[in-house]
Amino acid sequence: MPEAYTYEIAVADGDVWRVTQADEVHPVIDRDAKETARGVLEDWLLDHPNDVEGGERLEVFGRDTHDYPPDAQTQVRVWVYRGPLEAREVEPAAAAYLVTEPDDRQTADLDLTL
């Protein structure tokens, strides 16, 4: 029997994460928490193409929150929890992030000589 998952999408607003959506995922046979997190973030990307900077990559993580990227390197995250919305686990079972490495950030290269 497929496992029920709940997801939470959050967007960084400065130093604060703002949850923009939380819902249950319809169970899919042979789809684990990490695959679910990836799928939810991919759907979000398709629905919000103008809300990303570019140069970001999608990274998926398991249960260990110490592996998650620093907040300064990401603007969007999806956390997936085991269980239904009203009785989900406290800690995420998986997470997906849009990650930008500091060296990959696009900066204006202005060379103005007057």
PDB file of N, CA and C in Angstrom:
ATOM      1  N   MET A   1       0.846  -1.187   0.000  1.00  0.00           N
ATOM      2  CA  MET A   1       0.000   0.000   0.000  1.00  0.00           C
ATOM      3  C   MET A   1       0.888   1.245   0.000  1.00  0.00           C
ATOM      4  N   PRO A   2       0.590   2.226  -0.841  1.00  0.00           N
ATOM      5  CA  PRO A   2       1.409   3.444  -0.909  1.00  0.00           C
ATOM      6  C   PRO A   2       1.309   4.257   0.383  1.00  0.00           C
ATOM      7  N   GLU A   3       2.401   4.945   0.693  1.00  0.00           N
ATOM      8  CA  GLU A   3       2.462   5.754   1.910  1.00  0.00           C
ATOM      9  C   GLU A   3       1.887   7.145   1.650  1.00  0.00           C
ATOM     10  N   ALA A   4       1.164   7.671   2.631  1.00  0.00           N
ATOM     11  CA  ALA A   4       0.603   9.020   2.526  1.00  0.00           C
ATOM     12  C   ALA A   4       1.664  10.033   2.944  1.00  0.00           C
ATOM     13  N   TYR A   5       1.758  11.113   2.187  1.00  0.00           N
ATOM     14  CA  TYR A   5       2.704  12.182   2.494  1.00  0.00           C
ATOM     15  C   TYR A   5       1.982  13.522   2.533  1.00  0.00           C
ATOM     16  N   THR A   6       2.536  14.426   3.308  1.00  0.00           N
ATOM     17  CA  THR A   6       2.112  15.814   3.360  1.00  0.00           C
ATOM     18  C   THR A   6       3.303  16.656   2.923  1.00  0.00           C
ATOM     19  N   TYR A   7       3.054  17.743   2.205  1.00  0.00           N
ATOM     20  CA  TYR A   7       4.164  18.604   1.811  1.00  0.00           C
ATOM     21  C   TYR A   7       3.903  20.035   2.240  1.00  0.00           C
ATOM     22  N   GLU A   8       4.997  20.775   2.320  1.00  0.00           N
ATOM     23  CA  GLU A   8       4.957  22.187   2.684  1.00  0.00           C
ATOM     24  C   GLU A   8       5.925  22.921   1.761  1.00  0.00           C
ATOM     25  N   ILE A   9       5.435  23.919   1.052  1.00  0.00           N
ATOM     26  CA  ILE A   9       6.285  24.752   0.200  1.00  0.00           C
ATOM     27  C   ILE A   9       6.508  26.073   0.928  1.00  0.00           C
ATOM     28  N   ALA A  10       7.768  26.480   1.021  1.00  0.00           N
ATOM     29  CA  ALA A  10       8.093  27.744   1.689  1.00  0.00           C
ATOM     30  C   ALA A  10       9.028  28.556   0.800  1.00  0.00           C
ATOM     31  N   VAL A  11       8.847  29.865   0.834  1.00  0.00           N
ATOM     32  CA  VAL A  11       9.659  30.800   0.060  1.00  0.00           C
ATOM     33  C   VAL A  11      10.348  31.739   1.047  1.00  0.00           C
ATOM     34  N   ALA A  12      11.626  31.976   0.823  1.00  0.00           N
ATOM     35  CA  ALA A  12      12.383  32.867   1.704  1.00  0.00           C
ATOM     36  C   ALA A  12      11.983  34.310   1.434  1.00  0.00           C
ATOM     37  N   ASP A  13      11.704  35.019   2.509  1.00  0.00           N
ATOM     38  CA  ASP A  13      11.377  36.438   2.443  1.00  0.00           C
ATOM     39  C   ASP A  13      12.362  37.131   3.377  1.00  0.00           C
ATOM     40  N   GLY A  14      13.534  37.447   2.831  1.00  0.00           N
ATOM     41  CA  GLY A  14      14.622  37.939   3.669  1.00  0.00           C
ATOM     42  C   GLY A  14      15.169  36.786   4.495  1.00  0.00           C
ATOM     43  N   ASP A  15      15.152  36.943   5.809  1.00  0.00           N
ATOM     44  CA  ASP A  15      15.640  35.894   6.710  1.00  0.00           C
ATOM     45  C   ASP A  15      14.526  34.989   7.226  1.00  0.00           C
ATOM     46  N   VAL A  16      13.308  35.187   6.739  1.00  0.00           N
ATOM     47  CA  VAL A  16      12.153  34.441   7.238  1.00  0.00           C
ATOM     48  C   VAL A  16      11.587  33.553   6.135  1.00  0.00           C
ATOM     49  N   TRP A  17      11.270  32.295   6.473  1.00  0.00           N
ATOM     50  CA  TRP A  17      10.612  31.390   5.535  1.00  0.00           C
ATOM     51  C   TRP A  17       9.110  31.567   5.676  1.00  0.00           C
ATOM     52  N   ARG A  18       8.435  31.796   4.554  1.00  0.00           N
ATOM     53  CA  ARG A  18       6.981  31.968   4.529  1.00  0.00           C
ATOM     54  C   ARG A  18       6.379  30.758   3.826  1.00  0.00           C
ATOM     55  N   VAL A  19       5.561  29.990   4.545  1.00  0.00           N
ATOM     56  CA  VAL A  19       4.904  28.823   3.952  1.00  0.00           C
ATOM     57  C   VAL A  19       3.802  29.321   3.029  1.00  0.00           C
ATOM     58  N   THR A  20       3.884  28.950   1.757  1.00  0.00           N
ATOM     59  CA  THR A  20       2.909  29.405   0.772  1.00  0.00           C
ATOM     60  C   THR A  20       1.873  28.343   0.452  1.00  0.00           C
ATOM     61  N   GLN A  21       2.183  27.094   0.774  1.00  0.00           N
ATOM     62  CA  GLN A  21       1.243  26.019   0.485  1.00  0.00           C
ATOM     63  C   GLN A  21       1.576  24.812   1.351  1.00  0.00           C
ATOM     64  N   ALA A  22       0.542  24.164   1.871  1.00  0.00           N
ATOM     65  CA  ALA A  22       0.695  22.909   2.612  1.00  0.00           C
ATOM     66  C   ALA A  22      -0.501  22.036   2.259  1.00  0.00           C
ATOM     67  N   ASP A  23      -0.233  20.796   1.886  1.00  0.00           N
ATOM     68  CA  ASP A  23      -1.308  19.923   1.424  1.00  0.00           C
ATOM     69  C   ASP A  23      -0.849  18.475   1.488  1.00  0.00           C
ATOM     70  N   GLU A  24      -1.769  17.573   1.217  1.00  0.00           N
ATOM     71  CA  GLU A  24      -1.443  16.153   1.141  1.00  0.00           C
ATOM     72  C   GLU A  24      -1.157  15.776  -0.302  1.00  0.00           C
ATOM     73  N   VAL A  25      -0.307  14.782  -0.469  1.00  0.00           N
ATOM     74  CA  VAL A  25       0.006  14.238  -1.784  1.00  0.00           C
ATOM     75  C   VAL A  25      -0.784  12.951  -1.922  1.00  0.00           C
ATOM     76  N   HIS A  26      -1.450  12.778  -3.048  1.00  0.00           N
ATOM     77  CA  HIS A  26      -2.141  11.515  -3.279  1.00  0.00           C
ATOM     78  C   HIS A  26      -1.099  10.412  -3.366  1.00  0.00           C
ATOM     79  N   PRO A  27      -1.274   9.354  -2.596  1.00  0.00           N
ATOM     80  CA  PRO A  27      -0.271   8.279  -2.578  1.00  0.00           C
ATOM     81  C   PRO A  27      -0.029   7.677  -3.960  1.00  0.00           C
ATOM     82  N   VAL A  28       1.239   7.462  -4.265  1.00  0.00           N
ATOM     83  CA  VAL A  28       1.650   6.844  -5.526  1.00  0.00           C
ATOM     84  C   VAL A  28       2.495   5.625  -5.180  1.00  0.00           C
ATOM     85  N   ILE A  29       2.164   4.501  -5.769  1.00  0.00           N
ATOM     86  CA  ILE A  29       2.924   3.276  -5.518  1.00  0.00           C
ATOM     87  C   ILE A  29       4.366   3.477  -5.969  1.00  0.00           C
ATOM     88  N   ASP A  30       5.307   2.997  -5.182  1.00  0.00           N
ATOM     89  CA  ASP A  30       6.743   3.033  -5.486  1.00  0.00           C
ATOM     90  C   ASP A  30       7.324   4.444  -5.577  1.00  0.00           C
ATOM     91  N   ARG A  31       6.709   5.410  -4.933  1.00  0.00           N
ATOM     92  CA  ARG A  31       7.265   6.767  -4.900  1.00  0.00           C
ATOM     93  C   ARG A  31       7.602   7.103  -3.454  1.00  0.00           C
ATOM     94  N   ASP A  32       8.888   7.254  -3.163  1.00  0.00           N
ATOM     95  CA  ASP A  32       9.296   7.524  -1.787  1.00  0.00           C
ATOM     96  C   ASP A  32       9.262   9.025  -1.490  1.00  0.00           C
ATOM     97  N   ALA A  33       9.646   9.387  -0.276  1.00  0.00           N
ATOM     98  CA  ALA A  33       9.578  10.783   0.167  1.00  0.00           C
ATOM     99  C   ALA A  33      10.465  11.696  -0.676  1.00  0.00           C
ATOM    100  N   LYS A  34      11.678  11.242  -1.017  1.00  0.00           N
ATOM    101  CA  LYS A  34      12.583  12.076  -1.817  1.00  0.00           C
ATOM    102  C   LYS A  34      12.024  12.310  -3.219  1.00  0.00           C
ATOM    103  N   GLU A  35      11.468  11.282  -3.842  1.00  0.00           N
ATOM    104  CA  GLU A  35      10.867  11.451  -5.170  1.00  0.00           C
ATOM    105  C   GLU A  35       9.654  12.371  -5.097  1.00  0.00           C
ATOM    106  N   THR A  36       8.904  12.277  -4.008  1.00  0.00           N
ATOM    107  CA  THR A  36       7.747  13.147  -3.819  1.00  0.00           C
ATOM    108  C   THR A  36       8.188  14.601  -3.681  1.00  0.00           C
ATOM    109  N   ALA A  37       9.225  14.857  -2.891  1.00  0.00           N
ATOM    110  CA  ALA A  37       9.738  16.221  -2.718  1.00  0.00           C
ATOM    111  C   ALA A  37      10.193  16.798  -4.053  1.00  0.00           C
ATOM    112  N   ARG A  38      10.926  16.007  -4.830  1.00  0.00           N
ATOM    113  CA  ARG A  38      11.377  16.462  -6.150  1.00  0.00           C
ATOM    114  C   ARG A  38      10.180  16.811  -7.040  1.00  0.00           C
ATOM    115  N   GLY A  39       9.192  15.940  -7.077  1.00  0.00           N
ATOM    116  CA  GLY A  39       8.015  16.165  -7.915  1.00  0.00           C
ATOM    117  C   GLY A  39       7.245  17.417  -7.538  1.00  0.00           C
ATOM    118  N   VAL A  40       7.078  17.657  -6.240  1.00  0.00           N
ATOM    119  CA  VAL A  40       6.353  18.852  -5.787  1.00  0.00           C
ATOM    120  C   VAL A  40       7.117  20.112  -6.186  1.00  0.00           C
ATOM    121  N   LEU A  41       8.435  20.128  -6.008  1.00  0.00           N
ATOM    122  CA  LEU A  41       9.222  21.309  -6.378  1.00  0.00           C
ATOM    123  C   LEU A  41       9.244  21.503  -7.893  1.00  0.00           C
ATOM    124  N   GLU A  42       9.318  20.430  -8.660  1.00  0.00           N
ATOM    125  CA  GLU A  42       9.259  20.552 -10.120  1.00  0.00           C
ATOM    126  C   GLU A  42       7.927  21.158 -10.550  1.00  0.00           C
ATOM    127  N   ASP A  43       6.822  20.721  -9.941  1.00  0.00           N
ATOM    128  CA  ASP A  43       5.515  21.308 -10.249  1.00  0.00           C
ATOM    129  C   ASP A  43       5.485  22.790  -9.884  1.00  0.00           C
ATOM    130  N   TRP A  44       6.061  23.144  -8.732  1.00  0.00           N
ATOM    131  CA  TRP A  44       6.099  24.549  -8.322  1.00  0.00           C
ATOM    132  C   TRP A  44       6.865  25.378  -9.357  1.00  0.00           C
ATOM    133  N   LEU A  45       7.986  24.850  -9.825  1.00  0.00           N
ATOM    134  CA  LEU A  45       8.794  25.563 -10.826  1.00  0.00           C
ATOM    135  C   LEU A  45       8.005  25.818 -12.104  1.00  0.00           C
ATOM    136  N   LEU A  46       7.248  24.828 -12.538  1.00  0.00           N
ATOM    137  CA  LEU A  46       6.439  24.995 -13.749  1.00  0.00           C
ATOM    138  C   LEU A  46       5.371  26.063 -13.558  1.00  0.00           C
ATOM    139  N   ASP A  47       4.835  26.161 -12.343  1.00  0.00           N
ATOM    140  CA  ASP A  47       3.788  27.142 -12.051  1.00  0.00           C
ATOM    141  C   ASP A  47       4.327  28.534 -11.725  1.00  0.00           C
ATOM    142  N   HIS A  48       5.622  28.664 -11.433  1.00  0.00           N
ATOM    143  CA  HIS A  48       6.212  29.938 -11.002  1.00  0.00           C
ATOM    144  C   HIS A  48       7.511  30.257 -11.749  1.00  0.00           C
ATOM    145  N   PRO A  49       7.493  30.254 -13.072  1.00  0.00           N
ATOM    146  CA  PRO A  49       8.749  30.473 -13.810  1.00  0.00           C
ATOM    147  C   PRO A  49       9.362  31.853 -13.576  1.00  0.00           C
ATOM    148  N   ASN A  50       8.570  32.832 -13.230  1.00  0.00           N
ATOM    149  CA  ASN A  50       9.092  34.187 -13.031  1.00  0.00           C
ATOM    150  C   ASN A  50       9.560  34.447 -11.601  1.00  0.00           C
ATOM    151  N   ASP A  51       9.440  33.434 -10.744  1.00  0.00           N
ATOM    152  CA  ASP A  51       9.821  33.601  -9.341  1.00  0.00           C
ATOM    153  C   ASP A  51      11.194  33.029  -9.019  1.00  0.00           C
ATOM    154  N   VAL A  52      11.949  32.661 -10.040  1.00  0.00           N
ATOM    155  CA  VAL A  52      13.303  32.140  -9.821  1.00  0.00           C
ATOM    156  C   VAL A  52      14.304  33.053 -10.514  1.00  0.00           C
ATOM    157  N   GLU A  53      15.508  33.110  -9.954  1.00  0.00           N
ATOM    158  CA  GLU A  53      16.537  34.014 -10.468  1.00  0.00           C
ATOM    159  C   GLU A  53      17.278  33.450 -11.662  1.00  0.00           C
ATOM    160  N   GLY A  54      17.369  32.155 -11.761  1.00  0.00           N
ATOM    161  CA  GLY A  54      18.215  31.529 -12.770  1.00  0.00           C
ATOM    162  C   GLY A  54      19.538  31.145 -12.136  1.00  0.00           C
ATOM    163  N   GLY A  55      20.188  30.152 -12.694  1.00  0.00           N
ATOM    164  CA  GLY A  55      21.437  29.683 -12.129  1.00  0.00           C
ATOM    165  C   GLY A  55      21.244  28.803 -10.909  1.00  0.00           C
ATOM    166  N   GLU A  56      19.996  28.465 -10.601  1.00  0.00           N
ATOM    167  CA  GLU A  56      19.707  27.618  -9.454  1.00  0.00           C
ATOM    168  C   GLU A  56      19.579  26.171  -9.905  1.00  0.00           C
ATOM    169  N   ARG A  57      19.823  25.261  -8.984  1.00  0.00           N
ATOM    170  CA  ARG A  57      19.630  23.852  -9.307  1.00  0.00           C
ATOM    171  C   ARG A  57      18.771  23.217  -8.225  1.00  0.00           C
ATOM    172  N   LEU A  58      18.053  22.185  -8.609  1.00  0.00           N
ATOM    173  CA  LEU A  58      17.195  21.468  -7.692  1.00  0.00           C
ATOM    174  C   LEU A  58      18.009  20.378  -7.002  1.00  0.00           C
ATOM    175  N   GLU A  59      18.003  20.374  -5.681  1.00  0.00           N
ATOM    176  CA  GLU A  59      18.707  19.350  -4.910  1.00  0.00           C
ATOM    177  C   GLU A  59      17.723  18.704  -3.945  1.00  0.00           C
ATOM    178  N   VAL A  60      17.846  17.389  -3.803  1.00  0.00           N
ATOM    179  CA  VAL A  60      16.939  16.621  -2.952  1.00  0.00           C
ATOM    180  C   VAL A  60      17.736  15.983  -1.818  1.00  0.00           C
ATOM    181  N   PHE A  61      17.148  15.991  -0.631  1.00  0.00           N
ATOM    182  CA  PHE A  61      17.806  15.485   0.564  1.00  0.00           C
ATOM    183  C   PHE A  61      16.878  14.532   1.303  1.00  0.00           C
ATOM    184  N   GLY A  62      17.467  13.685   2.116  1.00  0.00           N
ATOM    185  CA  GLY A  62      16.698  12.748   2.928  1.00  0.00           C
ATOM    186  C   GLY A  62      16.319  13.345   4.267  1.00  0.00           C
ATOM    187  N   ARG A  63      16.241  12.508   5.247  1.00  0.00           N
ATOM    188  CA  ARG A  63      15.742  12.867   6.569  1.00  0.00           C
ATOM    189  C   ARG A  63      16.702  13.723   7.397  1.00  0.00           C
ATOM    190  N   ASP A  64      17.996  13.662   7.134  1.00  0.00           N
ATOM    191  CA  ASP A  64      18.990  14.356   7.959  1.00  0.00           C
ATOM    192  C   ASP A  64      19.020  15.852   7.635  1.00  0.00           C
ATOM    193  N   THR A  65      18.456  16.667   8.522  1.00  0.00           N
ATOM    194  CA  THR A  65      18.367  18.112   8.279  1.00  0.00           C
ATOM    195  C   THR A  65      19.734  18.792   8.273  1.00  0.00           C
ATOM    196  N   HIS A  66      20.762  18.133   8.805  1.00  0.00           N
ATOM    197  CA  HIS A  66      22.113  18.703   8.765  1.00  0.00           C
ATOM    198  C   HIS A  66      22.669  18.742   7.341  1.00  0.00           C
ATOM    199  N   ASP A  67      22.094  17.943   6.442  1.00  0.00           N
ATOM    200  CA  ASP A  67      22.527  17.933   5.045  1.00  0.00           C
ATOM    201  C   ASP A  67      21.890  19.055   4.230  1.00  0.00           C
ATOM    202  N   TYR A  68      20.847  19.687   4.752  1.00  0.00           N
ATOM    203  CA  TYR A  68      20.120  20.710   4.006  1.00  0.00           C
ATOM    204  C   TYR A  68      21.023  21.925   3.790  1.00  0.00           C
ATOM    205  N   PRO A  69      20.852  22.634   2.678  1.00  0.00           N
ATOM    206  CA  PRO A  69      21.725  23.779   2.390  1.00  0.00           C
ATOM    207  C   PRO A  69      21.456  24.955   3.330  1.00  0.00           C
ATOM    208  N   PRO A  70      22.440  25.833   3.483  1.00  0.00           N
ATOM    209  CA  PRO A  70      22.231  27.037   4.304  1.00  0.00           C
ATOM    210  C   PRO A  70      21.147  27.920   3.680  1.00  0.00           C
ATOM    211  N   ASP A  71      20.386  28.592   4.519  1.00  0.00           N
ATOM    212  CA  ASP A  71      19.307  29.452   4.026  1.00  0.00           C
ATOM    213  C   ASP A  71      19.800  30.500   3.041  1.00  0.00           C
ATOM    214  N   ALA A  72      21.022  30.970   3.192  1.00  0.00           N
ATOM    215  CA  ALA A  72      21.562  32.010   2.309  1.00  0.00           C
ATOM    216  C   ALA A  72      21.739  31.514   0.878  1.00  0.00           C
ATOM    217  N   GLN A  73      21.735  30.206   0.672  1.00  0.00           N
ATOM    218  CA  GLN A  73      21.945  29.653  -0.666  1.00  0.00           C
ATOM    219  C   GLN A  73      20.653  29.205  -1.334  1.00  0.00           C
ATOM    220  N   THR A  74      19.516  29.459  -0.722  1.00  0.00           N
ATOM    221  CA  THR A  74      18.268  28.970  -1.296  1.00  0.00           C
ATOM    222  C   THR A  74      17.126  29.948  -1.060  1.00  0.00           C
ATOM    223  N   GLN A  75      16.169  29.918  -1.959  1.00  0.00           N
ATOM    224  CA  GLN A  75      15.008  30.803  -1.865  1.00  0.00           C
ATOM    225  C   GLN A  75      13.699  30.028  -1.765  1.00  0.00           C
ATOM    226  N   VAL A  76      13.704  28.764  -2.200  1.00  0.00           N
ATOM    227  CA  VAL A  76      12.484  27.950  -2.209  1.00  0.00           C
ATOM    228  C   VAL A  76      12.818  26.567  -1.669  1.00  0.00           C
ATOM    229  N   ARG A  77      11.923  26.044  -0.833  1.00  0.00           N
ATOM    230  CA  ARG A  77      12.121  24.693  -0.310  1.00  0.00           C
ATOM    231  C   ARG A  77      10.791  23.953  -0.253  1.00  0.00           C
ATOM    232  N   VAL A  78      10.879  22.645  -0.355  1.00  0.00           N
ATOM    233  CA  VAL A  78       9.732  21.762  -0.158  1.00  0.00           C
ATOM    234  C   VAL A  78      10.132  20.752   0.908  1.00  0.00           C
ATOM    235  N   TRP A  79       9.347  20.659   1.943  1.00  0.00           N
ATOM    236  CA  TRP A  79       9.551  19.628   2.955  1.00  0.00           C
ATOM    237  C   TRP A  79       8.406  18.640   2.840  1.00  0.00           C
ATOM    238  N   VAL A  80       8.739  17.353   2.851  1.00  0.00           N
ATOM    239  CA  VAL A  80       7.741  16.291   2.767  1.00  0.00           C
ATOM    240  C   VAL A  80       7.755  15.519   4.079  1.00  0.00           C
ATOM    241  N   TYR A  81       6.559  15.314   4.614  1.00  0.00           N
ATOM    242  CA  TYR A  81       6.393  14.606   5.884  1.00  0.00           C
ATOM    243  C   TYR A  81       5.599  13.323   5.653  1.00  0.00           C
ATOM    244  N   ARG A  82       5.877  12.309   6.441  1.00  0.00           N
ATOM    245  CA  ARG A  82       5.067  11.094   6.405  1.00  0.00           C
ATOM    246  C   ARG A  82       3.770  11.360   7.163  1.00  0.00           C
ATOM    247  N   GLY A  83       2.668  10.866   6.603  1.00  0.00           N
ATOM    248  CA  GLY A  83       1.380  10.958   7.272  1.00  0.00           C
ATOM    249  C   GLY A  83       0.478  12.016   6.673  1.00  0.00           C
ATOM    250  N   PRO A  84      -0.799  11.964   7.047  1.00  0.00           N
ATOM    251  CA  PRO A  84      -1.770  12.946   6.553  1.00  0.00           C
ATOM    252  C   PRO A  84      -1.565  14.309   7.212  1.00  0.00           C
ATOM    253  N   LEU A  85      -2.150  15.327   6.636  1.00  0.00           N
ATOM    254  CA  LEU A  85      -1.955  16.713   7.071  1.00  0.00           C
ATOM    255  C   LEU A  85      -2.217  16.897   8.567  1.00  0.00           C
ATOM    256  N   GLU A  86      -3.277  16.312   9.072  1.00  0.00           N
ATOM    257  CA  GLU A  86      -3.645  16.528  10.475  1.00  0.00           C
ATOM    258  C   GLU A  86      -2.871  15.635  11.448  1.00  0.00           C
ATOM    259  N   ALA A  87      -2.085  14.687  10.938  1.00  0.00           N
ATOM    260  CA  ALA A  87      -1.346  13.780  11.832  1.00  0.00           C
ATOM    261  C   ALA A  87       0.036  13.445  11.272  1.00  0.00           C
ATOM    262  N   ARG A  88       0.673  14.415  10.650  1.00  0.00           N
ATOM    263  CA  ARG A  88       1.979  14.166  10.035  1.00  0.00           C
ATOM    264  C   ARG A  88       3.074  14.063  11.090  1.00  0.00           C
ATOM    265  N   GLU A  89       4.208  13.492  10.678  1.00  0.00           N
ATOM    266  CA  GLU A  89       5.370  13.452  11.558  1.00  0.00           C
ATOM    267  C   GLU A  89       5.883  14.874  11.780  1.00  0.00           C
ATOM    268  N   VAL A  90       6.623  15.074  12.850  1.00  0.00           N
ATOM    269  CA  VAL A  90       7.134  16.406  13.191  1.00  0.00           C
ATOM    270  C   VAL A  90       8.295  16.801  12.282  1.00  0.00           C
ATOM    271  N   GLU A  91       9.214  15.890  12.034  1.00  0.00           N
ATOM    272  CA  GLU A  91      10.391  16.166  11.206  1.00  0.00           C
ATOM    273  C   GLU A  91      10.143  15.730   9.763  1.00  0.00           C
ATOM    274  N   PRO A  92      10.696  16.459   8.787  1.00  0.00           N
ATOM    275  CA  PRO A  92      10.510  16.059   7.389  1.00  0.00           C
ATOM    276  C   PRO A  92      11.205  14.734   7.076  1.00  0.00           C
ATOM    277  N   ALA A  93      10.576  13.963   6.200  1.00  0.00           N
ATOM    278  CA  ALA A  93      11.160  12.708   5.720  1.00  0.00           C
ATOM    279  C   ALA A  93      12.097  12.977   4.549  1.00  0.00           C
ATOM    280  N   ALA A  94      11.887  14.105   3.870  1.00  0.00           N
ATOM    281  CA  ALA A  94      12.726  14.493   2.731  1.00  0.00           C
ATOM    282  C   ALA A  94      12.514  15.976   2.455  1.00  0.00           C
ATOM    283  N   ALA A  95      13.423  16.540   1.671  1.00  0.00           N
ATOM    284  CA  ALA A  95      13.326  17.951   1.308  1.00  0.00           C
ATOM    285  C   ALA A  95      13.906  18.163  -0.077  1.00  0.00           C
ATOM    286  N   ALA A  96      13.362  19.134  -0.780  1.00  0.00           N
ATOM    287  CA  ALA A  96      13.917  19.555  -2.066  1.00  0.00           C
ATOM    288  C   ALA A  96      14.109  21.066  -1.989  1.00  0.00           C
ATOM    289  N   TYR A  97      15.229  21.527  -2.506  1.00  0.00           N
ATOM    290  CA  TYR A  97      15.577  22.951  -2.466  1.00  0.00           C
ATOM    291  C   TYR A  97      16.017  23.419  -3.841  1.00  0.00           C
ATOM    292  N   LEU A  98      15.761  24.695  -4.129  1.00  0.00           N
ATOM    293  CA  LEU A  98      16.424  25.368  -5.243  1.00  0.00           C
ATOM    294  C   LEU A  98      17.658  26.017  -4.643  1.00  0.00           C
ATOM    295  N   VAL A  99      18.827  25.577  -5.075  1.00  0.00           N
ATOM    296  CA  VAL A  99      20.085  26.002  -4.463  1.00  0.00           C
ATOM    297  C   VAL A  99      20.910  26.807  -5.457  1.00  0.00           C
ATOM    298  N   THR A 100      21.485  27.899  -4.977  1.00  0.00           N
ATOM    299  CA  THR A 100      22.417  28.700  -5.758  1.00  0.00           C
ATOM    300  C   THR A 100      23.725  28.767  -4.994  1.00  0.00           C
ATOM    301  N   GLU A 101      24.791  28.325  -5.620  1.00  0.00           N
ATOM    302  CA  GLU A 101      26.111  28.454  -5.006  1.00  0.00           C
ATOM    303  C   GLU A 101      26.511  29.928  -5.075  1.00  0.00           C
ATOM    304  N   PRO A 102      27.195  30.443  -4.069  1.00  0.00           N
ATOM    305  CA  PRO A 102      27.584  31.860  -4.085  1.00  0.00           C
ATOM    306  C   PRO A 102      28.347  32.253  -5.352  1.00  0.00           C
ATOM    307  N   ASP A 103      29.185  31.379  -5.872  1.00  0.00           N
ATOM    308  CA  ASP A 103      29.950  31.694  -7.081  1.00  0.00           C
ATOM    309  C   ASP A 103      29.084  31.721  -8.333  1.00  0.00           C
ATOM    310  N   ASP A 104      27.888  31.112  -8.260  1.00  0.00           N
ATOM    311  CA  ASP A 104      27.012  31.046  -9.422  1.00  0.00           C
ATOM    312  C   ASP A 104      26.053  32.225  -9.506  1.00  0.00           C
ATOM    313  N   ARG A 105      25.977  33.018  -8.467  1.00  0.00           N
ATOM    314  CA  ARG A 105      25.043  34.150  -8.481  1.00  0.00           C
ATOM    315  C   ARG A 105      25.437  35.124  -9.582  1.00  0.00           C
ATOM    316  N   GLN A 106      24.432  35.543 -10.325  1.00  0.00           N
ATOM    317  CA  GLN A 106      24.695  36.475 -11.415  1.00  0.00           C
ATOM    318  C   GLN A 106      24.798  37.883 -10.848  1.00  0.00           C
ATOM    319  N   THR A 107      25.896  38.529 -11.134  1.00  0.00           N
ATOM    320  CA  THR A 107      26.078  39.908 -10.694  1.00  0.00           C
ATOM    321  C   THR A 107      26.390  40.753 -11.918  1.00  0.00           C
ATOM    322  N   ALA A 108      25.988  41.977 -11.842  1.00  0.00           N
ATOM    323  CA  ALA A 108      26.266  42.881 -12.950  1.00  0.00           C
ATOM    324  C   ALA A 108      27.757  43.172 -13.005  1.00  0.00           C
ATOM    325  N   ASP A 109      28.314  43.055 -14.169  1.00  0.00           N
ATOM    326  CA  ASP A 109      29.736  43.330 -14.356  1.00  0.00           C
ATOM    327  C   ASP A 109      29.825  44.657 -15.104  1.00  0.00           C
ATOM    328  N   LEU A 110      29.823  45.729 -14.334  1.00  0.00           N
ATOM    329  CA  LEU A 110      29.823  47.057 -14.931  1.00  0.00           C
ATOM    330  C   LEU A 110      31.231  47.636 -14.926  1.00  0.00           C
ATOM    331  N   ASP A 111      31.661  48.042 -16.084  1.00  0.00           N
ATOM    332  CA  ASP A 111      32.965  48.682 -16.207  1.00  0.00           C
ATOM    333  C   ASP A 111      32.708  50.016 -16.887  1.00  0.00           C
ATOM    334  N   LEU A 112      32.411  51.006 -16.063  1.00  0.00           N
ATOM    335  CA  LEU A 112      32.072  52.317 -16.604  1.00  0.00           C
ATOM    336  C   LEU A 112      33.270  53.251 -16.505  1.00  0.00           C
ATOM    337  N   THR A 113      33.627  53.815 -17.615  1.00  0.00           N
ATOM    338  CA  THR A 113      34.699  54.796 -17.636  1.00  0.00           C
ATOM    339  C   THR A 113      34.111  56.088 -18.173  1.00  0.00           C
ATOM    340  N   LEU A 114      34.221  57.142 -17.403  1.00  0.00           N
ATOM    341  CA  LEU A 114      33.664  58.432 -17.833  1.00  0.00           C
ATOM    342  C   LEU A 114      34.760  59.415 -18.112  1.00  0.00           C
TER     343      LEU A 114
END
